[in-house]
Amino acid sequence: MLAAVRAELTKILTLRVTWIVTGGILALHLLVNVANLGHFSTAVAGITPDGLIELFAGRPRPAHRAIVDLQVAASLQMGLFLPGLAAVLAGQEFRAHQLGRSLLAVPRRGVLITAKTVAVAAYLLFVSVLIAGISTAVLYVAVRDWDPGVVVSGAALLGQARFLAFAVLWGLVGYAVTLIARSTLIGVVASVALIAVTMTQVLAGLAPALDALFPLSAGRNLLLNPEENRLTAGPAHALAVLLLWPLLTVAVAGLLLHRRDAR
């Protein structure tokens, strides 16, 4: 198993498209955060003596909580792209009969799907750590003359740990859908559809219990402050939903891999 995981990680790391998509995501994240750095710094400079900050005009909030929430939300924003990255990684198996060659190297299909899943999860974790690091570094620049420890406080670290869990589990959904459909395009389109369900907030207004069952909604419920955002479930429910989506979709992908011809 370990040898199969190492082989799958090596395959991921030697694909040019891996670094192109990863570089694009990280560059966009850095660009967006740096573009907002001036606004963040101005807001921090205006923190009142009683510790209130206005990140948005007319909405004063306790500074420490608001900065931690902003730090986590910045990471969540870029986490939206991770299923697309995972879909690209999974889709490489269906180019030039790569899947058949993988099965020749690892004939036991259960071992193969497990190794692939672990390798993709490990790479998603790596990218997610970089995303969280960029969010933390940019906000550190904004708060370093006020309270630089806020971005590495217990609340901030817990928030980023929750983001890492969300990012890996959410990314694996795009990976599994791609394996099921045997198409990178379908994996990306399905990921965009899941994002649209949550971001439009239509379902959240009409059927909150149903909205809470979607993975990105679960991510919001896990990561965002319920006092500042309209959420549809608590963090425990959200984590359960996030665990079930990749478990079920990867299980279906594994079952189909057993039943289909390798091509």
C-alpha atoms as a PDB file:
ATOM      1  CA  MET A   1       0.000   0.000   0.000  1.00  0.00           C
ATOM      2  CA  LEU A   2       2.730   2.497   0.924  1.00  0.00           C
ATOM      3  CA  ALA A   3       4.527   1.818  -2.327  1.00  0.00           C
ATOM      4  CA  ALA A   4       1.293   2.408  -4.247  1.00  0.00           C
ATOM      5  CA  VAL A   5       0.679   5.699  -2.408  1.00  0.00           C
ATOM      6  CA  ARG A   6       4.241   6.854  -3.131  1.00  0.00           C
ATOM      7  CA  ALA A   7       3.802   5.952  -6.795  1.00  0.00           C
ATOM      8  CA  GLU A   8       0.557   7.933  -6.993  1.00  0.00           C
ATOM      9  CA  LEU A   9       2.133  10.944  -5.259  1.00  0.00           C
ATOM     10  CA  THR A  10       5.067  10.802  -7.658  1.00  0.00           C
ATOM     11  CA  LYS A  11       2.641  10.736 -10.564  1.00  0.00           C
ATOM     12  CA  ILE A  12       0.828  13.793  -9.222  1.00  0.00           C
ATOM     13  CA  LEU A  13       4.024  15.740  -8.591  1.00  0.00           C
ATOM     14  CA  THR A  14       5.468  15.028 -12.030  1.00  0.00           C
ATOM     15  CA  LEU A  15       2.401  16.228 -13.944  1.00  0.00           C
ATOM     16  CA  ARG A  16       2.909  19.671 -15.447  1.00  0.00           C
ATOM     17  CA  VAL A  17      -0.793  20.437 -15.129  1.00  0.00           C
ATOM     18  CA  THR A  18      -0.553  19.894 -11.359  1.00  0.00           C
ATOM     19  CA  TRP A  19       1.814  22.808 -10.961  1.00  0.00           C
ATOM     20  CA  ILE A  20       0.023  25.010 -13.487  1.00  0.00           C
ATOM     21  CA  VAL A  21      -3.324  24.724 -11.707  1.00  0.00           C
ATOM     22  CA  THR A  22      -1.772  24.898  -8.230  1.00  0.00           C
ATOM     23  CA  GLY A  23       0.284  27.943  -9.196  1.00  0.00           C
ATOM     24  CA  GLY A  24      -2.804  29.646 -10.613  1.00  0.00           C
ATOM     25  CA  ILE A  25      -4.797  29.070  -7.423  1.00  0.00           C
ATOM     26  CA  LEU A  26      -2.029  30.296  -5.132  1.00  0.00           C
ATOM     27  CA  ALA A  27      -1.223  33.293  -7.332  1.00  0.00           C
ATOM     28  CA  LEU A  28      -4.884  34.327  -7.386  1.00  0.00           C
ATOM     29  CA  HIS A  29      -5.127  33.931  -3.623  1.00  0.00           C
ATOM     30  CA  LEU A  30      -2.051  36.068  -3.075  1.00  0.00           C
ATOM     31  CA  LEU A  31      -3.261  38.702  -5.552  1.00  0.00           C
ATOM     32  CA  VAL A  32      -6.693  39.018  -3.937  1.00  0.00           C
ATOM     33  CA  ASN A  33      -5.259  39.249  -0.424  1.00  0.00           C
ATOM     34  CA  VAL A  34      -2.562  41.758  -1.338  1.00  0.00           C
ATOM     35  CA  ALA A  35      -5.144  43.861  -3.175  1.00  0.00           C
ATOM     36  CA  ASN A  36      -7.171  44.058   0.071  1.00  0.00           C
ATOM     37  CA  LEU A  37      -4.159  44.633   2.316  1.00  0.00           C
ATOM     38  CA  GLY A  38      -4.547  48.415   2.270  1.00  0.00           C
ATOM     39  CA  HIS A  39      -8.167  48.160   3.403  1.00  0.00           C
ATOM     40  CA  PHE A  40      -7.238  45.692   6.147  1.00  0.00           C
ATOM     41  CA  SER A  41      -4.401  47.911   7.384  1.00  0.00           C
ATOM     42  CA  THR A  42      -6.643  50.980   7.450  1.00  0.00           C
ATOM     43  CA  ALA A  43      -9.290  49.098   9.420  1.00  0.00           C
ATOM     44  CA  VAL A  44      -6.702  47.871  11.931  1.00  0.00           C
ATOM     45  CA  ALA A  45      -5.307  51.376  12.335  1.00  0.00           C
ATOM     46  CA  GLY A  46      -8.808  52.553  13.212  1.00  0.00           C
ATOM     47  CA  ILE A  47      -9.399  50.031  16.014  1.00  0.00           C
ATOM     48  CA  THR A  48     -11.027  51.905  18.895  1.00  0.00           C
ATOM     49  CA  PRO A  49      -9.653  51.945  22.457  1.00  0.00           C
ATOM     50  CA  ASP A  50     -12.362  49.488  23.487  1.00  0.00           C
ATOM     51  CA  GLY A  51     -11.193  47.033  20.819  1.00  0.00           C
ATOM     52  CA  LEU A  52     -13.762  47.476  18.050  1.00  0.00           C
ATOM     53  CA  ILE A  53     -12.933  47.343  14.346  1.00  0.00           C
ATOM     54  CA  GLU A  54     -14.933  48.303  11.259  1.00  0.00           C
ATOM     55  CA  LEU A  55     -13.944  45.973   8.454  1.00  0.00           C
ATOM     56  CA  PHE A  56     -17.171  47.078   6.802  1.00  0.00           C
ATOM     57  CA  ALA A  57     -18.482  50.617   7.215  1.00  0.00           C
ATOM     58  CA  GLY A  58     -21.038  50.976   9.974  1.00  0.00           C
ATOM     59  CA  ARG A  59     -20.501  47.459  11.339  1.00  0.00           C
ATOM     60  CA  PRO A  60     -18.157  47.630  14.349  1.00  0.00           C
ATOM     61  CA  ARG A  61     -17.136  44.270  15.808  1.00  0.00           C
ATOM     62  CA  PRO A  62     -14.714  43.020  18.473  1.00  0.00           C
ATOM     63  CA  ALA A  63     -11.380  43.209  16.694  1.00  0.00           C
ATOM     64  CA  HIS A  64      -9.859  39.857  17.632  1.00  0.00           C
ATOM     65  CA  ARG A  65     -12.916  37.843  16.596  1.00  0.00           C
ATOM     66  CA  ALA A  66     -13.399  39.863  13.400  1.00  0.00           C
ATOM     67  CA  ILE A  67      -9.776  39.372  12.297  1.00  0.00           C
ATOM     68  CA  VAL A  68      -9.862  35.629  12.964  1.00  0.00           C
ATOM     69  CA  ASP A  69     -13.138  35.349  11.043  1.00  0.00           C
ATOM     70  CA  LEU A  70     -11.604  37.278   8.157  1.00  0.00           C
ATOM     71  CA  GLN A  71      -8.527  35.046   8.169  1.00  0.00           C
ATOM     72  CA  VAL A  72     -10.630  31.874   7.923  1.00  0.00           C
ATOM     73  CA  ALA A  73     -13.011  33.362   5.358  1.00  0.00           C
ATOM     74  CA  ALA A  74     -10.068  34.320   3.140  1.00  0.00           C
ATOM     75  CA  SER A  75      -8.908  30.709   3.107  1.00  0.00           C
ATOM     76  CA  LEU A  76     -12.444  29.424   2.503  1.00  0.00           C
ATOM     77  CA  GLN A  77     -12.797  31.704  -0.502  1.00  0.00           C
ATOM     78  CA  MET A  78      -9.878  30.090  -2.306  1.00  0.00           C
ATOM     79  CA  GLY A  79     -10.870  26.634  -1.143  1.00  0.00           C
ATOM     80  CA  LEU A  80     -13.687  26.825  -3.681  1.00  0.00           C
ATOM     81  CA  PHE A  81     -11.179  25.938  -6.403  1.00  0.00           C
ATOM     82  CA  LEU A  82      -9.869  22.744  -4.807  1.00  0.00           C
ATOM     83  CA  PRO A  83     -12.445  20.328  -6.311  1.00  0.00           C
ATOM     84  CA  GLY A  84     -11.397  21.647  -9.714  1.00  0.00           C
ATOM     85  CA  LEU A  85      -7.765  20.898  -8.924  1.00  0.00           C
ATOM     86  CA  ALA A  86      -8.693  17.418  -7.696  1.00  0.00           C
ATOM     87  CA  ALA A  87     -10.757  16.824 -10.843  1.00  0.00           C
ATOM     88  CA  VAL A  88      -7.749  17.678 -12.995  1.00  0.00           C
ATOM     89  CA  LEU A  89      -5.574  15.260 -11.024  1.00  0.00           C
ATOM     90  CA  ALA A  90      -8.125  12.447 -11.263  1.00  0.00           C
ATOM     91  CA  GLY A  91      -8.801  13.087 -14.926  1.00  0.00           C
ATOM     92  CA  GLN A  92      -5.234  12.361 -15.922  1.00  0.00           C
ATOM     93  CA  GLU A  93      -5.961   8.652 -15.389  1.00  0.00           C
ATOM     94  CA  PHE A  94      -8.225   8.647 -18.417  1.00  0.00           C
ATOM     95  CA  ARG A  95      -5.738  10.190 -20.821  1.00  0.00           C
ATOM     96  CA  ALA A  96      -3.822   7.833 -23.139  1.00  0.00           C
ATOM     97  CA  HIS A  97      -5.037   4.689 -21.287  1.00  0.00           C
ATOM     98  CA  GLN A  98      -3.137   5.656 -18.115  1.00  0.00           C
ATOM     99  CA  LEU A  99      -5.652   3.773 -15.956  1.00  0.00           C
ATOM    100  CA  GLY A 100      -4.811   0.480 -17.681  1.00  0.00           C
ATOM    101  CA  ARG A 101      -1.122   0.998 -16.975  1.00  0.00           C
ATOM    102  CA  SER A 102      -1.907   1.827 -13.342  1.00  0.00           C
ATOM    103  CA  LEU A 103      -3.802  -1.449 -13.012  1.00  0.00           C
ATOM    104  CA  LEU A 104      -0.897  -3.354 -14.475  1.00  0.00           C
ATOM    105  CA  ALA A 105       1.300  -1.878 -11.732  1.00  0.00           C
ATOM    106  CA  VAL A 106      -1.331  -2.350  -8.983  1.00  0.00           C
ATOM    107  CA  PRO A 107      -3.721  -5.140 -10.085  1.00  0.00           C
ATOM    108  CA  ARG A 108      -5.817  -5.028  -6.902  1.00  0.00           C
ATOM    109  CA  ARG A 109      -8.338  -2.334  -7.691  1.00  0.00           C
ATOM    110  CA  GLY A 110      -9.252  -1.722  -4.058  1.00  0.00           C
ATOM    111  CA  VAL A 111      -5.625  -0.986  -3.261  1.00  0.00           C
ATOM    112  CA  LEU A 112      -5.355   1.250  -6.311  1.00  0.00           C
ATOM    113  CA  ILE A 113      -8.391   3.410  -5.476  1.00  0.00           C
ATOM    114  CA  THR A 114      -7.261   3.683  -1.849  1.00  0.00           C
ATOM    115  CA  ALA A 115      -3.744   4.703  -2.860  1.00  0.00           C
ATOM    116  CA  LYS A 116      -5.065   7.276  -5.312  1.00  0.00           C
ATOM    117  CA  THR A 117      -7.420   8.730  -2.725  1.00  0.00           C
ATOM    118  CA  VAL A 118      -4.715   8.995  -0.070  1.00  0.00           C
ATOM    119  CA  ALA A 119      -2.296  10.598  -2.546  1.00  0.00           C
ATOM    120  CA  VAL A 120      -4.833  13.159  -3.755  1.00  0.00           C
ATOM    121  CA  ALA A 121      -5.861  13.929  -0.163  1.00  0.00           C
ATOM    122  CA  ALA A 122      -2.219  14.461   0.790  1.00  0.00           C
ATOM    123  CA  TYR A 123      -1.678  16.840  -2.119  1.00  0.00           C
ATOM    124  CA  LEU A 124      -4.885  18.736  -1.332  1.00  0.00           C
ATOM    125  CA  LEU A 125      -3.685  19.080   2.261  1.00  0.00           C
ATOM    126  CA  PHE A 126      -0.367  20.468   1.030  1.00  0.00           C
ATOM    127  CA  VAL A 127      -2.081  23.080  -1.154  1.00  0.00           C
ATOM    128  CA  SER A 128      -4.540  23.928   1.627  1.00  0.00           C
ATOM    129  CA  VAL A 129      -1.686  24.571   4.066  1.00  0.00           C
ATOM    130  CA  LEU A 130      -0.178  26.987   1.543  1.00  0.00           C
ATOM    131  CA  ILE A 131      -3.536  28.746   1.159  1.00  0.00           C
ATOM    132  CA  ALA A 132      -3.903  29.075   4.932  1.00  0.00           C
ATOM    133  CA  GLY A 133      -0.302  30.284   5.150  1.00  0.00           C
ATOM    134  CA  ILE A 134      -0.897  33.044   2.609  1.00  0.00           C
ATOM    135  CA  SER A 135      -4.060  34.178   4.447  1.00  0.00           C
ATOM    136  CA  THR A 136      -2.125  34.268   7.716  1.00  0.00           C
ATOM    137  CA  ALA A 137       0.921  36.051   6.292  1.00  0.00           C
ATOM    138  CA  VAL A 138      -1.075  38.831   4.627  1.00  0.00           C
ATOM    139  CA  LEU A 139      -3.153  39.498   7.731  1.00  0.00           C
ATOM    140  CA  TYR A 140       0.009  39.423   9.843  1.00  0.00           C
ATOM    141  CA  VAL A 141       1.326  42.346   7.802  1.00  0.00           C
ATOM    142  CA  ALA A 142      -1.909  44.220   8.499  1.00  0.00           C
ATOM    143  CA  VAL A 143      -1.944  43.592  12.270  1.00  0.00           C
ATOM    144  CA  ARG A 144       1.764  43.444  13.144  1.00  0.00           C
ATOM    145  CA  ASP A 145       1.773  46.948  14.685  1.00  0.00           C
ATOM    146  CA  TRP A 146      -1.365  46.220  16.721  1.00  0.00           C
ATOM    147  CA  ASP A 147      -1.352  42.576  17.889  1.00  0.00           C
ATOM    148  CA  PRO A 148       0.642  40.225  15.644  1.00  0.00           C
ATOM    149  CA  GLY A 149      -0.259  37.259  17.849  1.00  0.00           C
ATOM    150  CA  VAL A 150      -3.908  37.342  16.822  1.00  0.00           C
ATOM    151  CA  VAL A 151      -3.236  35.459  13.555  1.00  0.00           C
ATOM    152  CA  VAL A 152      -1.616  32.563  15.426  1.00  0.00           C
ATOM    153  CA  SER A 153      -3.937  32.587  18.439  1.00  0.00           C
ATOM    154  CA  GLY A 154      -5.783  29.471  19.522  1.00  0.00           C
ATOM    155  CA  ALA A 155      -8.960  30.638  17.801  1.00  0.00           C
ATOM    156  CA  ALA A 156      -7.097  31.352  14.564  1.00  0.00           C
ATOM    157  CA  LEU A 157      -5.311  27.994  14.564  1.00  0.00           C
ATOM    158  CA  LEU A 158      -8.566  26.164  15.272  1.00  0.00           C
ATOM    159  CA  GLY A 159     -10.259  28.025  12.438  1.00  0.00           C
ATOM    160  CA  GLN A 160      -7.480  27.156  10.014  1.00  0.00           C
ATOM    161  CA  ALA A 161      -7.489  23.519  11.172  1.00  0.00           C
ATOM    162  CA  ARG A 162     -11.189  23.381  10.369  1.00  0.00           C
ATOM    163  CA  PHE A 163     -10.426  24.917   6.982  1.00  0.00           C
ATOM    164  CA  LEU A 164      -7.852  22.211   6.257  1.00  0.00           C
ATOM    165  CA  ALA A 165     -10.396  19.502   7.079  1.00  0.00           C
ATOM    166  CA  PHE A 166     -12.998  21.168   4.870  1.00  0.00           C
ATOM    167  CA  ALA A 167     -10.562  21.735   2.022  1.00  0.00           C
ATOM    168  CA  VAL A 168      -9.431  18.115   1.811  1.00  0.00           C
ATOM    169  CA  LEU A 169     -12.918  16.621   2.153  1.00  0.00           C
ATOM    170  CA  TRP A 170     -14.467  19.114  -0.275  1.00  0.00           C
ATOM    171  CA  GLY A 171     -11.685  18.586  -2.794  1.00  0.00           C
ATOM    172  CA  LEU A 172     -12.131  14.824  -2.670  1.00  0.00           C
ATOM    173  CA  VAL A 173     -15.714  15.256  -3.882  1.00  0.00           C
ATOM    174  CA  GLY A 174     -14.454  16.703  -7.175  1.00  0.00           C
ATOM    175  CA  TYR A 175     -11.908  13.912  -7.412  1.00  0.00           C
ATOM    176  CA  ALA A 176     -14.501  11.174  -6.844  1.00  0.00           C
ATOM    177  CA  VAL A 177     -17.046  12.630  -9.270  1.00  0.00           C
ATOM    178  CA  THR A 178     -14.339  12.744 -11.939  1.00  0.00           C
ATOM    179  CA  LEU A 179     -13.498   9.078 -11.345  1.00  0.00           C
ATOM    180  CA  ILE A 180     -17.187   8.156 -11.522  1.00  0.00           C
ATOM    181  CA  ALA A 181     -17.771  10.079 -14.752  1.00  0.00           C
ATOM    182  CA  ARG A 182     -14.298   9.368 -16.185  1.00  0.00           C
ATOM    183  CA  SER A 183     -14.220  12.971 -17.341  1.00  0.00           C
ATOM    184  CA  THR A 184     -12.353  15.999 -15.974  1.00  0.00           C
ATOM    185  CA  LEU A 185     -14.926  18.319 -17.543  1.00  0.00           C
ATOM    186  CA  ILE A 186     -17.847  16.623 -15.802  1.00  0.00           C
ATOM    187  CA  GLY A 187     -15.941  16.710 -12.511  1.00  0.00           C
ATOM    188  CA  VAL A 188     -15.347  20.452 -12.861  1.00  0.00           C
ATOM    189  CA  VAL A 189     -18.917  21.160 -13.984  1.00  0.00           C
ATOM    190  CA  ALA A 190     -20.334  19.149 -11.072  1.00  0.00           C
ATOM    191  CA  SER A 191     -18.121  21.110  -8.666  1.00  0.00           C
ATOM    192  CA  VAL A 192     -19.326  24.419 -10.135  1.00  0.00           C
ATOM    193  CA  ALA A 193     -22.933  23.244  -9.795  1.00  0.00           C
ATOM    194  CA  LEU A 194     -22.400  22.403  -6.119  1.00  0.00           C
ATOM    195  CA  ILE A 195     -20.849  25.835  -5.578  1.00  0.00           C
ATOM    196  CA  ALA A 196     -23.784  27.529  -7.314  1.00  0.00           C
ATOM    197  CA  VAL A 197     -26.327  25.754  -5.097  1.00  0.00           C
ATOM    198  CA  THR A 198     -24.720  27.274  -2.012  1.00  0.00           C
ATOM    199  CA  MET A 199     -23.589  30.657  -3.267  1.00  0.00           C
ATOM    200  CA  THR A 200     -26.993  31.674  -4.651  1.00  0.00           C
ATOM    201  CA  GLN A 201     -28.462  31.091  -1.144  1.00  0.00           C
ATOM    202  CA  VAL A 202     -31.836  30.273  -2.746  1.00  0.00           C
ATOM    203  CA  LEU A 203     -31.981  26.819  -1.200  1.00  0.00           C
ATOM    204  CA  ALA A 204     -30.849  28.174   2.158  1.00  0.00           C
ATOM    205  CA  GLY A 205     -33.897  30.431   2.186  1.00  0.00           C
ATOM    206  CA  LEU A 206     -36.420  27.878   0.939  1.00  0.00           C
ATOM    207  CA  ALA A 207     -35.190  24.653   2.585  1.00  0.00           C
ATOM    208  CA  PRO A 208     -32.388  25.203   5.116  1.00  0.00           C
ATOM    209  CA  ALA A 209     -32.301  21.535   6.157  1.00  0.00           C
ATOM    210  CA  LEU A 210     -31.749  20.476   2.540  1.00  0.00           C
ATOM    211  CA  ASP A 211     -29.149  23.198   1.970  1.00  0.00           C
ATOM    212  CA  ALA A 212     -27.205  21.907   4.991  1.00  0.00           C
ATOM    213  CA  LEU A 213     -26.688  18.590   3.187  1.00  0.00           C
ATOM    214  CA  PHE A 214     -24.589  20.134   0.409  1.00  0.00           C
ATOM    215  CA  PRO A 215     -20.803  20.089   0.903  1.00  0.00           C
ATOM    216  CA  LEU A 216     -20.039  23.770   0.407  1.00  0.00           C
ATOM    217  CA  SER A 217     -22.929  24.742   2.671  1.00  0.00           C
ATOM    218  CA  ALA A 218     -21.453  22.361   5.226  1.00  0.00           C
ATOM    219  CA  GLY A 219     -18.130  24.159   4.802  1.00  0.00           C
ATOM    220  CA  ARG A 220     -19.775  27.499   5.534  1.00  0.00           C
ATOM    221  CA  ASN A 221     -21.563  26.012   8.530  1.00  0.00           C
ATOM    222  CA  LEU A 222     -18.274  24.645   9.836  1.00  0.00           C
ATOM    223  CA  LEU A 223     -16.116  27.715   9.294  1.00  0.00           C
ATOM    224  CA  LEU A 224     -18.163  30.914   9.407  1.00  0.00           C
ATOM    225  CA  ASN A 225     -19.435  32.889  12.381  1.00  0.00           C
ATOM    226  CA  PRO A 226     -23.189  32.275  12.854  1.00  0.00           C
ATOM    227  CA  GLU A 227     -23.554  35.752  14.340  1.00  0.00           C
ATOM    228  CA  GLU A 228     -22.455  37.339  11.064  1.00  0.00           C
ATOM    229  CA  ASN A 229     -23.669  34.844   8.465  1.00  0.00           C
ATOM    230  CA  ARG A 230     -26.932  33.045   7.694  1.00  0.00           C
ATOM    231  CA  LEU A 231     -26.031  29.424   8.324  1.00  0.00           C
ATOM    232  CA  THR A 232     -28.216  26.332   8.058  1.00  0.00           C
ATOM    233  CA  ALA A 233     -26.669  23.889  10.582  1.00  0.00           C
ATOM    234  CA  GLY A 234     -24.144  23.616  13.387  1.00  0.00           C
ATOM    235  CA  PRO A 235     -20.493  22.599  13.085  1.00  0.00           C
ATOM    236  CA  ALA A 236     -21.034  18.978  14.189  1.00  0.00           C
ATOM    237  CA  HIS A 237     -23.692  18.440  11.513  1.00  0.00           C
ATOM    238  CA  ALA A 238     -21.440  20.182   8.981  1.00  0.00           C
ATOM    239  CA  LEU A 239     -18.488  17.925   9.719  1.00  0.00           C
ATOM    240  CA  ALA A 240     -20.658  14.829   9.394  1.00  0.00           C
ATOM    241  CA  VAL A 241     -21.915  16.004   5.989  1.00  0.00           C
ATOM    242  CA  LEU A 242     -18.380  16.785   4.833  1.00  0.00           C
ATOM    243  CA  LEU A 243     -17.214  13.304   5.842  1.00  0.00           C
ATOM    244  CA  LEU A 244     -20.138  11.536   4.166  1.00  0.00           C
ATOM    245  CA  TRP A 245     -19.782  13.188   0.747  1.00  0.00           C
ATOM    246  CA  PRO A 246     -16.271  11.898  -0.055  1.00  0.00           C
ATOM    247  CA  LEU A 247     -16.906   8.571   1.692  1.00  0.00           C
ATOM    248  CA  LEU A 248     -19.953   7.850  -0.446  1.00  0.00           C
ATOM    249  CA  THR A 249     -18.640   9.243  -3.727  1.00  0.00           C
ATOM    250  CA  VAL A 250     -15.244   7.524  -3.397  1.00  0.00           C
ATOM    251  CA  ALA A 251     -17.044   4.269  -2.519  1.00  0.00           C
ATOM    252  CA  VAL A 252     -19.132   4.569  -5.695  1.00  0.00           C
ATOM    253  CA  ALA A 253     -16.001   5.344  -7.721  1.00  0.00           C
ATOM    254  CA  GLY A 254     -14.287   2.277  -6.266  1.00  0.00           C
ATOM    255  CA  LEU A 255     -17.289   0.067  -7.030  1.00  0.00           C
ATOM    256  CA  LEU A 256     -17.412   1.290 -10.623  1.00  0.00           C
ATOM    257  CA  LEU A 257     -13.678   0.765 -11.005  1.00  0.00           C
ATOM    258  CA  HIS A 258     -14.190  -2.885 -10.025  1.00  0.00           C
ATOM    259  CA  ARG A 259     -16.998  -3.346 -12.524  1.00  0.00           C
ATOM    260  CA  ARG A 260     -15.737  -1.402 -15.527  1.00  0.00           C
ATOM    261  CA  ASP A 261     -13.026  -2.300 -17.978  1.00  0.00           C
ATOM    262  CA  ALA A 262      -9.791  -0.371 -17.533  1.00  0.00           C
ATOM    263  CA  ARG A 263      -9.372   2.120 -20.352  1.00  0.00           C
END
